C-alpha atoms as a PDB file:
ATOM      1  CA  MET A   1      23.267  36.281 -23.239  1.00  0.00           C
ATOM      2  CA  HIS A   2      25.228  33.604 -21.441  1.00  0.00           C
ATOM      3  CA  PHE A   3      28.211  34.107 -19.285  1.00  0.00           C
ATOM      4  CA  VAL A   4      30.714  31.548 -18.017  1.00  0.00           C
ATOM      5  CA  LEU A   5      32.837  31.435 -14.841  1.00  0.00           C
ATOM      6  CA  GLU A   6      35.476  28.693 -14.548  1.00  0.00           C
ATOM      7  CA  ARG A   7      37.766  27.866 -11.660  1.00  0.00           C
ATOM      8  CA  SER A   8      39.978  24.914 -11.006  1.00  0.00           C
ATOM      9  CA  VAL A   9      42.328  23.897  -8.166  1.00  0.00           C
ATOM     10  CA  ILE A  10      44.437  20.827  -7.538  1.00  0.00           C
ATOM     11  CA  ILE A  11      43.883  19.347  -4.130  1.00  0.00           C
ATOM     12  CA  ARG A  12      46.200  16.619  -2.673  1.00  0.00           C
ATOM     13  CA  ARG A  13      43.203  14.277  -1.875  1.00  0.00           C
ATOM     14  CA  SER A  14      41.332  11.571  -3.709  1.00  0.00           C
ATOM     15  CA  LYS A  15      38.331  12.182  -5.839  1.00  0.00           C
ATOM     16  CA  ALA A  16      36.229  10.034  -3.442  1.00  0.00           C
ATOM     17  CA  GLU A  17      37.313  12.118  -0.411  1.00  0.00           C
ATOM     18  CA  LEU A  18      36.530  15.503  -2.108  1.00  0.00           C
ATOM     19  CA  PHE A  19      33.308  14.306  -3.563  1.00  0.00           C
ATOM     20  CA  SER A  20      32.185  13.088  -0.082  1.00  0.00           C
ATOM     21  CA  PHE A  21      32.888  16.588   1.258  1.00  0.00           C
ATOM     22  CA  PHE A  22      30.630  18.146  -1.288  1.00  0.00           C
ATOM     23  CA  ALA A  23      27.961  15.438  -0.977  1.00  0.00           C
ATOM     24  CA  ALA A  24      27.407  16.664   2.592  1.00  0.00           C
ATOM     25  CA  ALA A  25      25.303  19.788   1.763  1.00  0.00           C
ATOM     26  CA  GLU A  26      26.038  21.322   5.148  1.00  0.00           C
ATOM     27  CA  ASN A  27      29.611  21.858   4.075  1.00  0.00           C
ATOM     28  CA  LEU A  28      28.475  24.522   1.555  1.00  0.00           C
ATOM     29  CA  ASN A  29      28.357  26.833   4.542  1.00  0.00           C
ATOM     30  CA  LEU A  30      32.020  26.163   5.251  1.00  0.00           C
ATOM     31  CA  ILE A  31      33.117  27.334   1.737  1.00  0.00           C
ATOM     32  CA  THR A  32      30.621  30.223   1.336  1.00  0.00           C
ATOM     33  CA  PRO A  33      32.134  33.714   2.113  1.00  0.00           C
ATOM     34  CA  PRO A  34      30.782  34.975   5.502  1.00  0.00           C
ATOM     35  CA  TRP A  35      29.718  38.259   4.011  1.00  0.00           C
ATOM     36  CA  LEU A  36      26.982  36.430   2.187  1.00  0.00           C
ATOM     37  CA  ASN A  37      25.347  35.371   5.495  1.00  0.00           C
ATOM     38  CA  PHE A  38      24.555  31.964   3.952  1.00  0.00           C
ATOM     39  CA  GLN A  39      21.759  30.019   5.736  1.00  0.00           C
ATOM     40  CA  PHE A  40      19.977  26.773   4.668  1.00  0.00           C
ATOM     41  CA  LEU A  41      16.270  26.776   4.853  1.00  0.00           C
ATOM     42  CA  THR A  42      16.075  23.141   3.830  1.00  0.00           C
ATOM     43  CA  PRO A  43      16.355  21.034   7.040  1.00  0.00           C
ATOM     44  CA  LEU A  44      19.774  19.298   7.415  1.00  0.00           C
ATOM     45  CA  PRO A  45      21.113  16.734   6.848  1.00  0.00           C
ATOM     46  CA  ILE A  46      20.206  16.563   3.127  1.00  0.00           C
ATOM     47  CA  GLN A  47      20.438  13.360   1.113  1.00  0.00           C
ATOM     48  CA  MET A  48      22.045  14.390  -2.120  1.00  0.00           C
ATOM     49  CA  HIS A  49      20.953  12.748  -5.397  1.00  0.00           C
ATOM     50  CA  VAL A  50      19.347  13.727  -8.697  1.00  0.00           C
ATOM     51  CA  GLY A  51      16.127  15.501  -7.854  1.00  0.00           C
ATOM     52  CA  THR A  52      17.285  16.878  -4.474  1.00  0.00           C
ATOM     53  CA  LYS A  53      16.037  20.389  -3.898  1.00  0.00           C
ATOM     54  CA  LEU A  54      18.026  22.903  -1.695  1.00  0.00           C
ATOM     55  CA  VAL A  55      16.574  26.042  -0.470  1.00  0.00           C
ATOM     56  CA  TYR A  56      18.673  28.665   1.254  1.00  0.00           C
ATOM     57  CA  LYS A  57      19.061  32.385   1.655  1.00  0.00           C
ATOM     58  CA  ILE A  58      21.991  34.788   1.304  1.00  0.00           C
ATOM     59  CA  LYS A  59      22.479  38.571   1.535  1.00  0.00           C
ATOM     60  CA  LEU A  60      24.212  40.180  -1.280  1.00  0.00           C
ATOM     61  CA  HIS A  61      24.954  43.873  -0.794  1.00  0.00           C
ATOM     62  CA  MET A  62      22.568  43.759   2.065  1.00  0.00           C
ATOM     63  CA  ILE A  63      19.785  42.436  -0.075  1.00  0.00           C
ATOM     64  CA  PRO A  64      18.136  39.240   1.196  1.00  0.00           C
ATOM     65  CA  ILE A  65      17.948  36.621  -1.506  1.00  0.00           C
ATOM     66  CA  ARG A  66      16.092  33.267  -1.399  1.00  0.00           C
ATOM     67  CA  TRP A  67      17.605  30.767  -3.664  1.00  0.00           C
ATOM     68  CA  GLU A  68      16.268  27.378  -4.663  1.00  0.00           C
ATOM     69  CA  SER A  69      18.389  24.920  -6.599  1.00  0.00           C
ATOM     70  CA  GLU A  70      18.011  21.291  -7.696  1.00  0.00           C
ATOM     71  CA  ILE A  71      20.561  18.613  -8.238  1.00  0.00           C
ATOM     72  CA  THR A  72      20.236  17.578 -11.931  1.00  0.00           C
ATOM     73  CA  ALA A  73      23.138  15.343 -12.271  1.00  0.00           C
ATOM     74  CA  TRP A  74      24.832  13.157  -9.701  1.00  0.00           C
ATOM     75  CA  ASP A  75      27.826  10.897 -10.602  1.00  0.00           C
ATOM     76  CA  PRO A  76      29.873  10.076  -7.531  1.00  0.00           C
ATOM     77  CA  PRO A  77      32.960  10.566  -7.417  1.00  0.00           C
ATOM     78  CA  ASN A  78      33.224  12.400 -10.735  1.00  0.00           C
ATOM     79  CA  ALA A  79      30.682  15.206 -11.046  1.00  0.00           C
ATOM     80  CA  PHE A  80      27.427  16.700 -10.132  1.00  0.00           C
ATOM     81  CA  CYS A  81      25.372  19.634 -11.304  1.00  0.00           C
ATOM     82  CA  ASP A  82      23.065  22.081  -9.579  1.00  0.00           C
ATOM     83  CA  VAL A  83      20.614  24.341 -11.331  1.00  0.00           C
ATOM     84  CA  GLN A  84      18.840  27.355  -9.953  1.00  0.00           C
ATOM     85  CA  ARG A  85      15.066  26.930  -9.974  1.00  0.00           C
ATOM     86  CA  LYS A  86      14.311  30.272  -8.250  1.00  0.00           C
ATOM     87  CA  GLY A  87      16.739  32.869  -7.451  1.00  0.00           C
ATOM     88  CA  PRO A  88      18.633  36.040  -8.519  1.00  0.00           C
ATOM     89  CA  TYR A  89      19.782  34.794 -12.046  1.00  0.00           C
ATOM     90  CA  ARG A  90      17.770  34.274 -15.225  1.00  0.00           C
ATOM     91  CA  GLU A  91      19.775  30.999 -15.494  1.00  0.00           C
ATOM     92  CA  TRP A  92      22.335  29.282 -13.341  1.00  0.00           C
ATOM     93  CA  VAL A  93      23.847  25.932 -14.136  1.00  0.00           C
ATOM     94  CA  HIS A  94      26.792  24.888 -11.922  1.00  0.00           C
ATOM     95  CA  LEU A  95      28.819  21.895 -12.894  1.00  0.00           C
ATOM     96  CA  HIS A  96      31.247  20.445 -10.304  1.00  0.00           C
ATOM     97  CA  THR A  97      33.829  18.014 -11.690  1.00  0.00           C
ATOM     98  CA  PHE A  98      36.556  15.895  -9.906  1.00  0.00           C
ATOM     99  CA  GLU A  99      39.332  14.512 -12.096  1.00  0.00           C
ATOM    100  CA  SER A 100      42.249  12.353 -10.994  1.00  0.00           C
ATOM    101  CA  HIS A 101      45.680  14.078 -11.207  1.00  0.00           C
ATOM    102  CA  THR A 102      49.180  12.910 -10.426  1.00  0.00           C
ATOM    103  CA  GLU A 103      49.131  15.405  -7.433  1.00  0.00           C
ATOM    104  CA  GLY A 104      45.638  14.365  -6.258  1.00  0.00           C
ATOM    105  CA  THR A 105      42.416  15.732  -7.810  1.00  0.00           C
ATOM    106  CA  VAL A 106      41.559  18.611 -10.055  1.00  0.00           C
ATOM    107  CA  MET A 107      38.434  20.126  -8.831  1.00  0.00           C
ATOM    108  CA  LYS A 108      36.628  22.305 -11.392  1.00  0.00           C
ATOM    109  CA  ASP A 109      33.692  24.634 -11.153  1.00  0.00           C
ATOM    110  CA  ARG A 110      31.916  25.820 -14.327  1.00  0.00           C
ATOM    111  CA  VAL A 111      29.060  28.085 -14.036  1.00  0.00           C
ATOM    112  CA  LEU A 112      26.917  28.954 -16.992  1.00  0.00           C
ATOM    113  CA  TYR A 113      24.643  31.959 -16.153  1.00  0.00           C
ATOM    114  CA  GLN A 114      22.423  34.652 -17.383  1.00  0.00           C
ATOM    115  CA  VAL A 115      21.645  37.902 -15.530  1.00  0.00           C
ATOM    116  CA  PHE A 116      18.755  40.358 -15.702  1.00  0.00           C
ATOM    117  CA  GLY A 117      20.173  43.432 -17.366  1.00  0.00           C
ATOM    118  CA  GLY A 118      22.553  41.495 -19.584  1.00  0.00           C
ATOM    119  CA  ARG A 119      26.201  42.533 -20.345  1.00  0.00           C
ATOM    120  CA  LEU A 120      26.180  45.838 -18.490  1.00  0.00           C
ATOM    121  CA  VAL A 121      24.837  44.442 -15.212  1.00  0.00           C
ATOM    122  CA  ASN A 122      27.183  41.435 -15.450  1.00  0.00           C
ATOM    123  CA  TRP A 123      30.185  43.741 -16.057  1.00  0.00           C
ATOM    124  CA  ALA A 124      29.190  46.337 -13.383  1.00  0.00           C
ATOM    125  CA  PHE A 125      28.137  43.910 -10.613  1.00  0.00           C
ATOM    126  CA  VAL A 126      27.719  40.232 -11.113  1.00  0.00           C
ATOM    127  CA  SER A 127      31.041  39.149 -12.671  1.00  0.00           C
ATOM    128  CA  ARG A 128      33.096  40.876  -9.978  1.00  0.00           C
ATOM    129  CA  ASP A 129      30.977  39.349  -7.164  1.00  0.00           C
ATOM    130  CA  LEU A 130      31.139  35.832  -8.607  1.00  0.00           C
ATOM    131  CA  LYS A 131      34.873  36.036  -9.014  1.00  0.00           C
ATOM    132  CA  ARG A 132      35.352  37.178  -5.427  1.00  0.00           C
ATOM    133  CA  ILE A 133      32.999  34.417  -4.106  1.00  0.00           C
ATOM    134  CA  PHE A 134      34.578  31.651  -6.163  1.00  0.00           C
ATOM    135  CA  ASP A 135      38.122  32.916  -5.275  1.00  0.00           C
ATOM    136  CA  TYR A 136      37.182  32.682  -1.613  1.00  0.00           C
ATOM    137  CA  ARG A 137      35.700  29.183  -2.122  1.00  0.00           C
ATOM    138  CA  ARG A 138      39.007  28.103  -3.766  1.00  0.00           C
ATOM    139  CA  ALA A 139      41.201  29.462  -0.926  1.00  0.00           C
ATOM    140  CA  LYS A 140      38.860  27.953   1.735  1.00  0.00           C
ATOM    141  CA  ILE A 141      39.024  24.455   0.035  1.00  0.00           C
ATOM    142  CA  GLN A 142      42.853  24.698  -0.060  1.00  0.00           C
ATOM    143  CA  GLU A 143      42.746  25.657   3.607  1.00  0.00           C
ATOM    144  CA  LEU A 144      40.470  22.835   4.524  1.00  0.00           C
ATOM    145  CA  PHE A 145      42.527  20.377   2.454  1.00  0.00           C
ATOM    146  CA  PRO A 146      46.188  21.326   2.911  1.00  0.00           C
END
């Protein structure tokens, strides 16, 4: 069973400027909630392109998790996609898009995912955590780009 999480925010900056921020992988640490204890295992800086592999670890509910993802689409300054290759999900496909808007850029996240344990586990744990993480991310981006 697939689940979808979508978030969008309008930022008063150009697509190119926002995409450039996300193209610098080390900035992921700036928009990841501190309670996840995010840490890159892949040496920085990371050159982002199709095929780039990122390895990092987080702690979720005090459980250490190693996560490996791969960039499967790279279309500056419009979109990119990362896919979990190893990690906590059965499937994780995260599409980031950047669309021009009269007030700047609409930045969208769309995550298609599957969890072990299906609907019950998603309802009881995963969905709530993801909403909290992506709400933090949205607020942090608005803070970084006022």
